[in-house]
C-alpha atoms as a PDB file:
ATOM      1  CA  MET A   1     115.767 109.412  48.533  1.00  0.00           C
ATOM      2  CA  PRO A   2     118.885 109.788  46.369  1.00  0.00           C
ATOM      3  CA  PRO A   3     121.515 111.833  47.680  1.00  0.00           C
ATOM      4  CA  ASP A   4     122.074 115.463  46.456  1.00  0.00           C
ATOM      5  CA  LEU A   5     125.337 115.729  44.695  1.00  0.00           C
ATOM      6  CA  ARG A   6     125.076 119.150  43.324  1.00  0.00           C
ATOM      7  CA  LEU A   7     127.233 120.549  46.059  1.00  0.00           C
ATOM      8  CA  THR A   8     130.236 118.481  45.455  1.00  0.00           C
ATOM      9  CA  THR A   9     132.431 117.351  42.534  1.00  0.00           C
ATOM     10  CA  ASP A  10     133.069 113.911  44.244  1.00  0.00           C
ATOM     11  CA  PRO A  11     131.550 111.309  41.979  1.00  0.00           C
ATOM     12  CA  ARG A  12     130.956 108.874  45.019  1.00  0.00           C
ATOM     13  CA  PRO A  13     127.593 108.954  46.619  1.00  0.00           C
ATOM     14  CA  ARG A  14     127.074 110.478  49.986  1.00  0.00           C
ATOM     15  CA  LEU A  15     126.322 108.032  52.599  1.00  0.00           C
ATOM     16  CA  HIS A  16     125.140 110.122  55.406  1.00  0.00           C
ATOM     17  CA  THR A  17     122.096 111.827  53.899  1.00  0.00           C
ATOM     18  CA  PRO A  18     119.664 113.388  56.379  1.00  0.00           C
ATOM     19  CA  GLU A  19     117.148 110.548  55.609  1.00  0.00           C
ATOM     20  CA  SER A  20     119.750 107.878  56.303  1.00  0.00           C
ATOM     21  CA  VAL A  21     120.889 109.524  59.567  1.00  0.00           C
ATOM     22  CA  ARG A  22     117.274 109.841  60.759  1.00  0.00           C
ATOM     23  CA  ARG A  23     116.769 106.102  60.010  1.00  0.00           C
ATOM     24  CA  ALA A  24     119.878 105.256  61.842  1.00  0.00           C
ATOM     25  CA  ASN A  25     118.953 107.179  64.829  1.00  0.00           C
ATOM     26  CA  ALA A  26     115.535 105.731  64.989  1.00  0.00           C
ATOM     27  CA  ALA A  27     116.997 102.342  64.779  1.00  0.00           C
ATOM     28  CA  ARG A  28     119.553 103.111  67.477  1.00  0.00           C
ATOM     29  CA  LEU A  29     116.819 104.366  69.797  1.00  0.00           C
ATOM     30  CA  ILE A  30     114.678 101.289  69.230  1.00  0.00           C
ATOM     31  CA  ALA A  31     117.647  98.953  69.835  1.00  0.00           C
ATOM     32  CA  ALA A  32     118.535 100.810  73.006  1.00  0.00           C
ATOM     33  CA  GLN A  33     114.962 100.341  74.342  1.00  0.00           C
ATOM     34  CA  LEU A  34     114.773  96.760  73.457  1.00  0.00           C
ATOM     35  CA  GLN A  35     117.972  96.171  75.265  1.00  0.00           C
ATOM     36  CA  ALA A  36     116.828  97.939  78.453  1.00  0.00           C
ATOM     37  CA  TYR A  37     113.639  96.056  78.406  1.00  0.00           C
ATOM     38  CA  ALA A  38     115.437  92.734  77.825  1.00  0.00           C
ATOM     39  CA  ALA A  39     117.615  93.583  80.867  1.00  0.00           C
ATOM     40  CA  ASP A  40     114.659  94.137  83.176  1.00  0.00           C
ATOM     41  CA  PRO A  41     111.547  92.402  81.858  1.00  0.00           C
ATOM     42  CA  GLU A  42     109.565  93.754  84.700  1.00  0.00           C
ATOM     43  CA  PRO A  43     109.849  97.312  84.716  1.00  0.00           C
ATOM     44  CA  LYS A  44     109.322  98.844  88.134  1.00  0.00           C
ATOM     45  CA  ALA A  45     106.425 101.076  88.485  1.00  0.00           C
ATOM     46  CA  ARG A  46     106.881 104.366  90.315  1.00  0.00           C
ATOM     47  CA  PRO A  47     105.642 103.997  93.789  1.00  0.00           C
ATOM     48  CA  LYS A  48     102.360 105.604  94.212  1.00  0.00           C
ATOM     49  CA  ALA A  49     102.314 108.557  96.537  1.00  0.00           C
ATOM     50  CA  ARG A  50     100.223 108.206  99.753  1.00  0.00           C
ATOM     51  CA  PRO A  51      96.913 109.798  99.467  1.00  0.00           C
ATOM     52  CA  THR A  52      96.864 112.826 101.546  1.00  0.00           C
ATOM     53  CA  THR A  53      94.612 112.311 104.591  1.00  0.00           C
ATOM     54  CA  PRO A  54      92.954 115.112 106.710  1.00  0.00           C
ATOM     55  CA  THR A  55      95.154 113.854 109.548  1.00  0.00           C
ATOM     56  CA  ALA A  56      98.245 114.656 107.577  1.00  0.00           C
ATOM     57  CA  LEU A  57      96.851 117.996 106.487  1.00  0.00           C
ATOM     58  CA  SER A  58      96.182 118.948 110.125  1.00  0.00           C
ATOM     59  CA  HIS A  59      99.479 117.678 111.406  1.00  0.00           C
ATOM     60  CA  ARG A  60     101.271 119.684 108.789  1.00  0.00           C
ATOM     61  CA  ALA A  61      99.125 122.735 109.727  1.00  0.00           C
ATOM     62  CA  LEU A  62      99.870 122.199 113.430  1.00  0.00           C
ATOM     63  CA  CYS A  63     103.614 122.022 112.752  1.00  0.00           C
ATOM     64  CA  GLY A  64     103.558 125.161 110.611  1.00  0.00           C
ATOM     65  CA  ALA A  65     101.548 127.173 113.342  1.00  0.00           C
ATOM     66  CA  LEU A  66     104.214 125.778 116.107  1.00  0.00           C
ATOM     67  CA  VAL A  67     107.314 126.952 113.899  1.00  0.00           C
ATOM     68  CA  ALA A  68     105.537 130.369 113.201  1.00  0.00           C
ATOM     69  CA  TRP A  69     104.640 130.837 116.945  1.00  0.00           C
ATOM     70  CA  SER A  70     108.347 129.915 117.787  1.00  0.00           C
ATOM     71  CA  LEU A  71     109.675 132.426 115.291  1.00  0.00           C
ATOM     72  CA  GLY A  72     107.495 135.089 116.508  1.00  0.00           C
ATOM     73  CA  LEU A  73     108.485 134.272 120.248  1.00  0.00           C
ATOM     74  CA  LEU A  74     112.076 134.328 119.505  1.00  0.00           C
ATOM     75  CA  THR A  75     111.805 137.622 117.505  1.00  0.00           C
ATOM     76  CA  GLY A  76     109.936 139.248 120.345  1.00  0.00           C
ATOM     77  CA  ILE A  77     112.537 138.174 122.825  1.00  0.00           C
ATOM     78  CA  MET A  78     115.322 139.548 120.651  1.00  0.00           C
ATOM     79  CA  LEU A  79     113.409 142.828 120.188  1.00  0.00           C
ATOM     80  CA  THR A  80     113.163 143.157 124.001  1.00  0.00           C
ATOM     81  CA  GLN A  81     116.840 142.459 124.463  1.00  0.00           C
ATOM     82  CA  VAL A  82     117.839 145.306 122.000  1.00  0.00           C
ATOM     83  CA  TRP A  83     115.472 147.887 123.808  1.00  0.00           C
END
């Protein structure tokens, strides 16, 4: 794509046309990805999350119930102290 020289009186061609900038950015991105891959040829996969088991869910529910009961108990104690 030839550069658009209508906006300037400079006879030299423009080097930074939108297309050349886009090509340079794409080349820079590809080079960075290749360099990162060359630095670590075995990309580390994200560790898989443990599957949620029924025991983990029941443990979480039990802990939640214990916290709620404790907060209720403390609130009751504080209310009796105020009255």
